[in-house]
Amino acid sequence: MSLIADWLLRHSVVTCLLLHSLVLMTFCFHNAATSCSKSCYCSESDTGGKTVRCSNMRLTEIPQDIPNDTQRVYLDFNLFTTVPTNAFAGLPNLVELDLSHNELSLLEPGAFRGLGPSLQFLDISSNKLVSFNPEAFDGLRSRANLTNNPWHCDCNLQMALPRVDLEPASLAGIVCKTSDPEETGVQGLAFLLAPAIDLCVVMKRTTDVAMLVVMFGWFSMVISYLVYYVRANQEDARRHLEYLKSLPGIPGKSEESSTISTVV
């Protein structure tokens, strides 16, 4: 009996230790997932969603320790220049993201990957964005504030806009500060207000000219080859004729010719 009691006691102690470790690990993981970023201030809303405020903190990189149960993130008035790929991939519940008033000039492909199903509003206004990369907005269907950026309206922009799923009204925030070609007259206009302007016309003309140049070059090459081929054949024929003329007469044929002449 003592052996059985001793085994039960040891088994109970081991089980208690395992349960205690499991509870401790669960608490640690939960705390890591729900604690606030060290660079920001967090608050809970009445509905239980977490808000993370990192405004005006002079941050130069997107924080990577934002809790994954966050619903709203405010990163405005910082010094970000780039939003890297998968910068917010660990925030599946995010509904609002504010990146306004930064130094953003580049949104890498997949910058907002993972936010498509939940995100309702994206603010990237008052930055330094010049070009529009549709791959950065892949999967997003939210509203977006794109105003107060020095957008450069060109053929690339015109081809990129139909490839995004942002709410159409969001694209009205793209106001052309510069354009290519310059004479199109879209500077200062919202790009969507000038749908009849074809900014790809220069590229099309360039392509047409390039095709003509290539065709002319190919045609010239063919003509040159034909001329060379004809001249080479003429030269070979002349040399062959001179060679035949230089051959000595055949005696048998000469005697036969003399005999025929005598008979005649």
C-alpha atoms as a PDB file:
ATOM      1  CA  MET A   1       0.000   0.000   0.000  1.00  0.00           C
ATOM      2  CA  SER A   2       2.836   2.374   0.837  1.00  0.00           C
ATOM      3  CA  LEU A   3       4.297   1.903  -2.640  1.00  0.00           C
ATOM      4  CA  ILE A   4       0.963   2.748  -4.253  1.00  0.00           C
ATOM      5  CA  ALA A   5       0.510   5.788  -2.030  1.00  0.00           C
ATOM      6  CA  ASP A   6       4.040   6.953  -2.807  1.00  0.00           C
ATOM      7  CA  TRP A   7       3.450   6.562  -6.578  1.00  0.00           C
ATOM      8  CA  LEU A   8       0.141   8.454  -6.361  1.00  0.00           C
ATOM      9  CA  LEU A   9       1.820  11.249  -4.431  1.00  0.00           C
ATOM     10  CA  ARG A  10       4.596  11.588  -6.971  1.00  0.00           C
ATOM     11  CA  HIS A  11       2.116  11.464  -9.841  1.00  0.00           C
ATOM     12  CA  SER A  12       0.022  14.179  -8.222  1.00  0.00           C
ATOM     13  CA  VAL A  13       3.056  16.412  -7.702  1.00  0.00           C
ATOM     14  CA  VAL A  14       4.148  16.018 -11.346  1.00  0.00           C
ATOM     15  CA  THR A  15       0.599  16.718 -12.547  1.00  0.00           C
ATOM     16  CA  CYS A  16       0.384  19.842 -10.409  1.00  0.00           C
ATOM     17  CA  LEU A  17       3.707  21.098 -11.730  1.00  0.00           C
ATOM     18  CA  LEU A  18       2.629  20.514 -15.315  1.00  0.00           C
ATOM     19  CA  LEU A  19      -0.664  22.336 -14.791  1.00  0.00           C
ATOM     20  CA  HIS A  20       1.122  25.191 -13.082  1.00  0.00           C
ATOM     21  CA  SER A  21       3.595  25.483 -15.988  1.00  0.00           C
ATOM     22  CA  LEU A  22       0.760  25.404 -18.506  1.00  0.00           C
ATOM     23  CA  VAL A  23      -1.130  28.160 -16.703  1.00  0.00           C
ATOM     24  CA  LEU A  24       2.029  30.246 -16.413  1.00  0.00           C
ATOM     25  CA  MET A  25       2.843  29.846 -20.113  1.00  0.00           C
ATOM     26  CA  THR A  26      -0.721  30.729 -21.088  1.00  0.00           C
ATOM     27  CA  PHE A  27      -0.558  33.843 -18.951  1.00  0.00           C
ATOM     28  CA  CYS A  28       2.777  34.844 -20.438  1.00  0.00           C
ATOM     29  CA  PHE A  29       1.566  34.392 -24.009  1.00  0.00           C
ATOM     30  CA  HIS A  30      -1.647  36.261 -23.296  1.00  0.00           C
ATOM     31  CA  ASN A  31       0.248  39.068 -21.607  1.00  0.00           C
ATOM     32  CA  ALA A  32       2.699  39.283 -24.532  1.00  0.00           C
ATOM     33  CA  ALA A  33      -0.170  39.385 -27.012  1.00  0.00           C
ATOM     34  CA  THR A  34      -2.267  41.951 -25.163  1.00  0.00           C
ATOM     35  CA  SER A  35       0.289  44.164 -23.383  1.00  0.00           C
ATOM     36  CA  CYS A  36       0.898  47.623 -24.770  1.00  0.00           C
ATOM     37  CA  SER A  37       3.765  48.586 -27.061  1.00  0.00           C
ATOM     38  CA  LYS A  38       6.620  50.083 -25.066  1.00  0.00           C
ATOM     39  CA  SER A  39       6.680  53.146 -27.349  1.00  0.00           C
ATOM     40  CA  CYS A  40       2.967  53.866 -27.200  1.00  0.00           C
ATOM     41  CA  TYR A  41      -0.025  54.506 -24.993  1.00  0.00           C
ATOM     42  CA  CYS A  42      -2.872  51.975 -24.901  1.00  0.00           C
ATOM     43  CA  SER A  43      -6.482  52.236 -23.858  1.00  0.00           C
ATOM     44  CA  GLU A  44      -9.537  49.988 -23.908  1.00  0.00           C
ATOM     45  CA  SER A  45     -12.816  51.029 -25.500  1.00  0.00           C
ATOM     46  CA  ASP A  46     -16.249  50.268 -24.074  1.00  0.00           C
ATOM     47  CA  THR A  47     -16.615  47.413 -26.569  1.00  0.00           C
ATOM     48  CA  GLY A  48     -13.359  45.821 -25.457  1.00  0.00           C
ATOM     49  CA  GLY A  49     -11.253  46.827 -28.454  1.00  0.00           C
ATOM     50  CA  LYS A  50      -7.777  48.154 -27.779  1.00  0.00           C
ATOM     51  CA  THR A  51      -6.501  51.498 -29.088  1.00  0.00           C
ATOM     52  CA  VAL A  52      -2.765  52.093 -29.448  1.00  0.00           C
ATOM     53  CA  ARG A  53      -1.570  55.692 -29.714  1.00  0.00           C
ATOM     54  CA  CYS A  54       1.980  56.333 -30.903  1.00  0.00           C
ATOM     55  CA  SER A  55       1.366  59.886 -32.128  1.00  0.00           C
ATOM     56  CA  ASN A  56       4.152  62.465 -32.167  1.00  0.00           C
ATOM     57  CA  MET A  57       6.768  60.095 -30.698  1.00  0.00           C
ATOM     58  CA  ARG A  58       9.433  60.830 -33.363  1.00  0.00           C
ATOM     59  CA  LEU A  59       9.449  57.162 -34.334  1.00  0.00           C
ATOM     60  CA  THR A  60      11.426  56.192 -37.437  1.00  0.00           C
ATOM     61  CA  GLU A  61      10.238  52.568 -37.757  1.00  0.00           C
ATOM     62  CA  ILE A  62       6.836  50.906 -37.431  1.00  0.00           C
ATOM     63  CA  PRO A  63       6.616  49.325 -33.928  1.00  0.00           C
ATOM     64  CA  GLN A  64       6.656  45.533 -34.048  1.00  0.00           C
ATOM     65  CA  ASP A  65       5.250  44.990 -30.541  1.00  0.00           C
ATOM     66  CA  ILE A  66       1.720  46.279 -31.113  1.00  0.00           C
ATOM     67  CA  PRO A  67      -0.715  43.840 -29.376  1.00  0.00           C
ATOM     68  CA  ASN A  68      -2.498  41.567 -31.820  1.00  0.00           C
ATOM     69  CA  ASP A  69      -5.923  42.352 -30.345  1.00  0.00           C
ATOM     70  CA  THR A  70      -5.582  46.054 -31.291  1.00  0.00           C
ATOM     71  CA  GLN A  71      -8.420  47.631 -33.250  1.00  0.00           C
ATOM     72  CA  ARG A  72      -7.095  51.166 -33.763  1.00  0.00           C
ATOM     73  CA  VAL A  73      -3.521  52.350 -34.265  1.00  0.00           C
ATOM     74  CA  TYR A  74      -2.476  55.996 -34.452  1.00  0.00           C
ATOM     75  CA  LEU A  75       1.041  56.503 -35.806  1.00  0.00           C
ATOM     76  CA  ASP A  76       0.586  60.069 -37.025  1.00  0.00           C
ATOM     77  CA  PHE A  77       3.143  62.874 -36.673  1.00  0.00           C
ATOM     78  CA  ASN A  78       6.218  60.654 -36.665  1.00  0.00           C
ATOM     79  CA  LEU A  79       9.237  60.269 -38.963  1.00  0.00           C
ATOM     80  CA  PHE A  80       8.418  57.131 -40.955  1.00  0.00           C
ATOM     81  CA  THR A  81       9.771  57.153 -44.516  1.00  0.00           C
ATOM     82  CA  THR A  82       8.763  53.625 -45.516  1.00  0.00           C
ATOM     83  CA  VAL A  83       6.041  51.103 -44.721  1.00  0.00           C
ATOM     84  CA  PRO A  84       7.779  47.726 -45.186  1.00  0.00           C
ATOM     85  CA  THR A  85       6.185  44.516 -46.389  1.00  0.00           C
ATOM     86  CA  ASN A  86       3.954  42.809 -43.779  1.00  0.00           C
ATOM     87  CA  ALA A  87       4.330  45.754 -41.381  1.00  0.00           C
ATOM     88  CA  PHE A  88       0.881  45.073 -39.885  1.00  0.00           C
ATOM     89  CA  ALA A  89       0.447  41.371 -40.680  1.00  0.00           C
ATOM     90  CA  GLY A  90      -0.010  40.458 -36.994  1.00  0.00           C
ATOM     91  CA  LEU A  91      -3.045  42.697 -36.457  1.00  0.00           C
ATOM     92  CA  PRO A  92      -6.053  40.757 -37.775  1.00  0.00           C
ATOM     93  CA  ASN A  93      -8.601  42.871 -35.857  1.00  0.00           C
ATOM     94  CA  LEU A  94      -7.414  46.296 -36.951  1.00  0.00           C
ATOM     95  CA  VAL A  95     -10.233  48.554 -38.180  1.00  0.00           C
ATOM     96  CA  GLU A  96      -8.448  51.934 -38.302  1.00  0.00           C
ATOM     97  CA  LEU A  97      -4.850  52.850 -39.129  1.00  0.00           C
ATOM     98  CA  ASP A  98      -3.528  56.418 -39.092  1.00  0.00           C
ATOM     99  CA  LEU A  99      -0.153  57.084 -40.755  1.00  0.00           C
ATOM    100  CA  SER A 100      -0.779  60.722 -41.601  1.00  0.00           C
ATOM    101  CA  HIS A 101       1.746  63.552 -41.225  1.00  0.00           C
ATOM    102  CA  ASN A 102       4.874  61.449 -41.639  1.00  0.00           C
ATOM    103  CA  GLU A 103       7.686  61.433 -44.213  1.00  0.00           C
ATOM    104  CA  LEU A 104       6.390  58.449 -46.181  1.00  0.00           C
ATOM    105  CA  SER A 105       7.760  58.258 -49.708  1.00  0.00           C
ATOM    106  CA  LEU A 106       7.579  54.480 -50.243  1.00  0.00           C
ATOM    107  CA  LEU A 107       4.925  51.837 -49.605  1.00  0.00           C
ATOM    108  CA  GLU A 108       6.514  48.466 -50.282  1.00  0.00           C
ATOM    109  CA  PRO A 109       4.511  45.676 -51.972  1.00  0.00           C
ATOM    110  CA  GLY A 110       2.341  43.966 -49.354  1.00  0.00           C
ATOM    111  CA  ALA A 111       2.747  46.866 -46.906  1.00  0.00           C
ATOM    112  CA  PHE A 112      -0.822  46.390 -45.631  1.00  0.00           C
ATOM    113  CA  ARG A 113      -1.041  42.646 -46.190  1.00  0.00           C
ATOM    114  CA  GLY A 114      -3.324  40.875 -43.732  1.00  0.00           C
ATOM    115  CA  LEU A 115      -5.550  43.904 -43.061  1.00  0.00           C
ATOM    116  CA  GLY A 116      -7.977  43.348 -45.920  1.00  0.00           C
ATOM    117  CA  PRO A 117     -10.862  41.623 -44.106  1.00  0.00           C
ATOM    118  CA  SER A 118     -10.986  43.964 -41.100  1.00  0.00           C
ATOM    119  CA  LEU A 119      -9.579  47.395 -41.979  1.00  0.00           C
ATOM    120  CA  GLN A 120     -12.227  50.065 -42.523  1.00  0.00           C
ATOM    121  CA  PHE A 121     -10.177  53.255 -42.718  1.00  0.00           C
ATOM    122  CA  LEU A 122      -6.588  54.009 -43.723  1.00  0.00           C
ATOM    123  CA  ASP A 123      -5.119  57.500 -43.428  1.00  0.00           C
ATOM    124  CA  ILE A 124      -1.855  58.172 -45.273  1.00  0.00           C
ATOM    125  CA  SER A 125      -2.503  61.859 -45.924  1.00  0.00           C
ATOM    126  CA  SER A 126       0.090  64.611 -45.601  1.00  0.00           C
ATOM    127  CA  ASN A 127       3.088  62.504 -46.550  1.00  0.00           C
ATOM    128  CA  LYS A 128       5.569  62.583 -49.448  1.00  0.00           C
ATOM    129  CA  LEU A 129       4.080  59.925 -51.691  1.00  0.00           C
ATOM    130  CA  VAL A 130       4.711  60.592 -55.369  1.00  0.00           C
ATOM    131  CA  SER A 131       3.980  57.243 -57.031  1.00  0.00           C
ATOM    132  CA  PHE A 132       1.112  54.835 -56.469  1.00  0.00           C
ATOM    133  CA  ASN A 133       2.009  51.169 -56.021  1.00  0.00           C
ATOM    134  CA  PRO A 134      -1.122  48.999 -56.333  1.00  0.00           C
ATOM    135  CA  GLU A 135       0.694  46.002 -54.815  1.00  0.00           C
ATOM    136  CA  ALA A 136       0.990  47.907 -51.523  1.00  0.00           C
ATOM    137  CA  PHE A 137      -2.809  47.998 -51.250  1.00  0.00           C
ATOM    138  CA  ASP A 138      -3.322  44.385 -52.268  1.00  0.00           C
ATOM    139  CA  GLY A 139      -6.535  43.041 -50.715  1.00  0.00           C
ATOM    140  CA  LEU A 140      -7.654  46.320 -49.093  1.00  0.00           C
ATOM    141  CA  ARG A 141     -11.268  47.369 -49.607  1.00  0.00           C
ATOM    142  CA  SER A 142     -11.359  50.126 -47.015  1.00  0.00           C
ATOM    143  CA  ARG A 143     -11.770  53.872 -47.249  1.00  0.00           C
ATOM    144  CA  ALA A 144      -8.480  55.713 -47.558  1.00  0.00           C
ATOM    145  CA  ASN A 145      -7.379  59.299 -47.162  1.00  0.00           C
ATOM    146  CA  LEU A 146      -4.756  59.965 -49.846  1.00  0.00           C
ATOM    147  CA  THR A 147      -4.838  63.763 -49.779  1.00  0.00           C
ATOM    148  CA  ASN A 148      -1.921  66.187 -49.389  1.00  0.00           C
ATOM    149  CA  ASN A 149       0.683  64.050 -51.099  1.00  0.00           C
ATOM    150  CA  PRO A 150       2.776  65.306 -54.056  1.00  0.00           C
ATOM    151  CA  TRP A 151       1.303  62.772 -56.488  1.00  0.00           C
ATOM    152  CA  HIS A 152       2.945  62.535 -59.906  1.00  0.00           C
ATOM    153  CA  CYS A 153       0.298  61.707 -62.498  1.00  0.00           C
ATOM    154  CA  ASP A 154       1.676  59.687 -65.396  1.00  0.00           C
ATOM    155  CA  CYS A 155       0.993  56.554 -67.393  1.00  0.00           C
ATOM    156  CA  ASN A 156       2.068  54.309 -64.497  1.00  0.00           C
ATOM    157  CA  LEU A 157      -0.515  55.914 -62.215  1.00  0.00           C
ATOM    158  CA  GLN A 158      -3.220  55.639 -64.865  1.00  0.00           C
ATOM    159  CA  MET A 159      -2.511  51.924 -65.274  1.00  0.00           C
ATOM    160  CA  ALA A 160      -2.266  51.312 -61.507  1.00  0.00           C
ATOM    161  CA  LEU A 161      -5.565  52.773 -60.291  1.00  0.00           C
ATOM    162  CA  PRO A 162      -7.874  50.140 -61.869  1.00  0.00           C
ATOM    163  CA  ARG A 163      -5.888  47.433 -60.065  1.00  0.00           C
ATOM    164  CA  VAL A 164      -6.854  48.464 -56.513  1.00  0.00           C
ATOM    165  CA  ASP A 165     -10.030  47.635 -54.579  1.00  0.00           C
ATOM    166  CA  LEU A 166     -10.098  50.704 -52.327  1.00  0.00           C
ATOM    167  CA  GLU A 167     -13.422  52.511 -52.116  1.00  0.00           C
ATOM    168  CA  PRO A 168     -13.632  54.610 -55.319  1.00  0.00           C
ATOM    169  CA  ALA A 169     -14.187  57.840 -53.381  1.00  0.00           C
ATOM    170  CA  SER A 170     -10.775  57.346 -51.791  1.00  0.00           C
ATOM    171  CA  LEU A 171      -9.022  57.822 -55.120  1.00  0.00           C
ATOM    172  CA  ALA A 172     -10.407  61.343 -55.377  1.00  0.00           C
ATOM    173  CA  GLY A 173      -7.679  62.267 -52.898  1.00  0.00           C
ATOM    174  CA  ILE A 174      -5.035  61.814 -55.601  1.00  0.00           C
ATOM    175  CA  VAL A 175      -4.441  65.381 -56.759  1.00  0.00           C
ATOM    176  CA  CYS A 176      -1.778  65.814 -59.433  1.00  0.00           C
ATOM    177  CA  LYS A 177       1.063  68.028 -58.292  1.00  0.00           C
ATOM    178  CA  THR A 178       3.106  67.148 -61.374  1.00  0.00           C
ATOM    179  CA  SER A 179       2.350  65.186 -64.518  1.00  0.00           C
ATOM    180  CA  ASP A 180       3.973  63.511 -67.469  1.00  0.00           C
ATOM    181  CA  PRO A 181       3.536  64.845 -70.089  1.00  0.00           C
ATOM    182  CA  GLU A 182       3.409  68.309 -68.544  1.00  0.00           C
ATOM    183  CA  GLU A 183       1.189  69.824 -71.233  1.00  0.00           C
ATOM    184  CA  THR A 184      -1.812  67.657 -70.296  1.00  0.00           C
ATOM    185  CA  GLY A 185      -2.950  70.325 -67.844  1.00  0.00           C
ATOM    186  CA  VAL A 186      -3.872  68.007 -64.961  1.00  0.00           C
ATOM    187  CA  GLN A 187      -1.679  69.755 -62.391  1.00  0.00           C
ATOM    188  CA  GLY A 188      -3.782  70.770 -59.417  1.00  0.00           C
ATOM    189  CA  LEU A 189      -6.688  68.525 -60.435  1.00  0.00           C
ATOM    190  CA  ALA A 190      -7.979  65.386 -58.793  1.00  0.00           C
ATOM    191  CA  PHE A 191      -6.946  62.642 -61.189  1.00  0.00           C
ATOM    192  CA  LEU A 192     -10.459  61.171 -61.272  1.00  0.00           C
ATOM    193  CA  LEU A 193     -11.789  64.504 -62.536  1.00  0.00           C
ATOM    194  CA  ALA A 194      -9.771  64.124 -65.735  1.00  0.00           C
ATOM    195  CA  PRO A 195     -10.741  60.640 -66.945  1.00  0.00           C
ATOM    196  CA  ALA A 196     -10.601  61.579 -70.626  1.00  0.00           C
ATOM    197  CA  ILE A 197      -6.935  62.526 -70.495  1.00  0.00           C
ATOM    198  CA  ASP A 198      -4.642  59.800 -71.779  1.00  0.00           C
ATOM    199  CA  LEU A 199      -1.335  60.038 -69.910  1.00  0.00           C
ATOM    200  CA  CYS A 200      -0.043  56.984 -71.777  1.00  0.00           C
ATOM    201  CA  VAL A 201      -0.099  58.775 -75.147  1.00  0.00           C
ATOM    202  CA  VAL A 202       3.616  59.612 -74.949  1.00  0.00           C
ATOM    203  CA  MET A 203       4.456  56.005 -74.186  1.00  0.00           C
ATOM    204  CA  LYS A 204       2.299  54.853 -77.077  1.00  0.00           C
ATOM    205  CA  ARG A 205       4.003  57.297 -79.433  1.00  0.00           C
ATOM    206  CA  THR A 206       7.398  56.216 -78.194  1.00  0.00           C
ATOM    207  CA  THR A 207       6.436  52.581 -78.732  1.00  0.00           C
ATOM    208  CA  ASP A 208       5.195  53.315 -82.258  1.00  0.00           C
ATOM    209  CA  VAL A 209       8.399  55.166 -83.144  1.00  0.00           C
ATOM    210  CA  ALA A 210      10.485  52.347 -81.709  1.00  0.00           C
ATOM    211  CA  MET A 211       8.547  49.808 -83.782  1.00  0.00           C
ATOM    212  CA  LEU A 212       9.060  51.875 -86.928  1.00  0.00           C
ATOM    213  CA  VAL A 213      12.781  52.188 -86.234  1.00  0.00           C
ATOM    214  CA  VAL A 214      13.066  48.436 -85.667  1.00  0.00           C
ATOM    215  CA  MET A 215      11.131  47.649 -88.847  1.00  0.00           C
ATOM    216  CA  PHE A 216      13.216  50.099 -90.871  1.00  0.00           C
ATOM    217  CA  GLY A 217      16.422  48.611 -89.478  1.00  0.00           C
ATOM    218  CA  TRP A 218      15.251  45.094 -90.267  1.00  0.00           C
ATOM    219  CA  PHE A 219      14.210  46.085 -93.806  1.00  0.00           C
ATOM    220  CA  SER A 220      17.556  47.830 -94.391  1.00  0.00           C
ATOM    221  CA  MET A 221      19.393  44.745 -93.179  1.00  0.00           C
ATOM    222  CA  VAL A 222      17.453  42.492 -95.564  1.00  0.00           C
ATOM    223  CA  ILE A 223      18.102  44.809 -98.527  1.00  0.00           C
ATOM    224  CA  SER A 224      21.782  45.045 -97.654  1.00  0.00           C
ATOM    225  CA  TYR A 225      22.039  41.270 -97.483  1.00  0.00           C
ATOM    226  CA  LEU A 226      20.329  40.856-100.866  1.00  0.00           C
ATOM    227  CA  VAL A 227      22.648  43.392-102.489  1.00  0.00           C
ATOM    228  CA  TYR A 228      25.666  41.690-100.964  1.00  0.00           C
ATOM    229  CA  TYR A 229      24.390  38.263-102.068  1.00  0.00           C
ATOM    230  CA  VAL A 230      23.836  39.398-105.686  1.00  0.00           C
ATOM    231  CA  ARG A 231      27.232  41.094-105.902  1.00  0.00           C
ATOM    232  CA  ALA A 232      28.962  38.085-104.404  1.00  0.00           C
ATOM    233  CA  ASN A 233      27.298  35.768-106.948  1.00  0.00           C
ATOM    234  CA  GLN A 234      28.267  38.071-109.819  1.00  0.00           C
ATOM    235  CA  GLU A 235      31.861  38.115-108.653  1.00  0.00           C
ATOM    236  CA  ASP A 236      31.914  34.313-108.356  1.00  0.00           C
ATOM    237  CA  ALA A 237      30.450  33.968-111.872  1.00  0.00           C
ATOM    238  CA  ARG A 238      33.056  36.346-113.330  1.00  0.00           C
ATOM    239  CA  ARG A 239      35.906  34.453-111.676  1.00  0.00           C
ATOM    240  CA  HIS A 240      34.510  31.134-112.889  1.00  0.00           C
ATOM    241  CA  LEU A 241      34.265  32.463-116.456  1.00  0.00           C
ATOM    242  CA  GLU A 242      37.814  33.750-116.365  1.00  0.00           C
ATOM    243  CA  TYR A 243      38.954  30.395-115.055  1.00  0.00           C
ATOM    244  CA  LEU A 244      37.247  28.598-117.950  1.00  0.00           C
ATOM    245  CA  LYS A 245      38.861  30.940-120.439  1.00  0.00           C
ATOM    246  CA  SER A 246      42.266  30.292-118.952  1.00  0.00           C
ATOM    247  CA  LEU A 247      42.010  26.518-119.488  1.00  0.00           C
ATOM    248  CA  PRO A 248      44.146  25.077-122.466  1.00  0.00           C
ATOM    249  CA  GLY A 249      42.299  23.612-125.448  1.00  0.00           C
ATOM    250  CA  ILE A 250      41.569  19.847-125.520  1.00  0.00           C
ATOM    251  CA  PRO A 251      43.675  18.077-128.288  1.00  0.00           C
ATOM    252  CA  GLY A 252      41.150  15.404-129.125  1.00  0.00           C
ATOM    253  CA  LYS A 253      38.501  17.913-129.811  1.00  0.00           C
ATOM    254  CA  SER A 254      40.852  20.071-131.935  1.00  0.00           C
ATOM    255  CA  GLU A 255      41.860  17.130-134.239  1.00  0.00           C
ATOM    256  CA  GLU A 256      38.232  16.135-134.653  1.00  0.00           C
ATOM    257  CA  SER A 257      37.354  19.662-135.605  1.00  0.00           C
ATOM    258  CA  SER A 258      40.190  19.719-138.211  1.00  0.00           C
ATOM    259  CA  THR A 259      39.018  16.402-139.730  1.00  0.00           C
ATOM    260  CA  ILE A 260      35.487  17.654-140.039  1.00  0.00           C
ATOM    261  CA  SER A 261      36.755  20.819-141.717  1.00  0.00           C
ATOM    262  CA  THR A 262      38.841  18.769-144.236  1.00  0.00           C
ATOM    263  CA  VAL A 263      35.925  16.561-145.124  1.00  0.00           C
ATOM    264  CA  VAL A 264      33.734  19.530-145.711  1.00  0.00           C
END
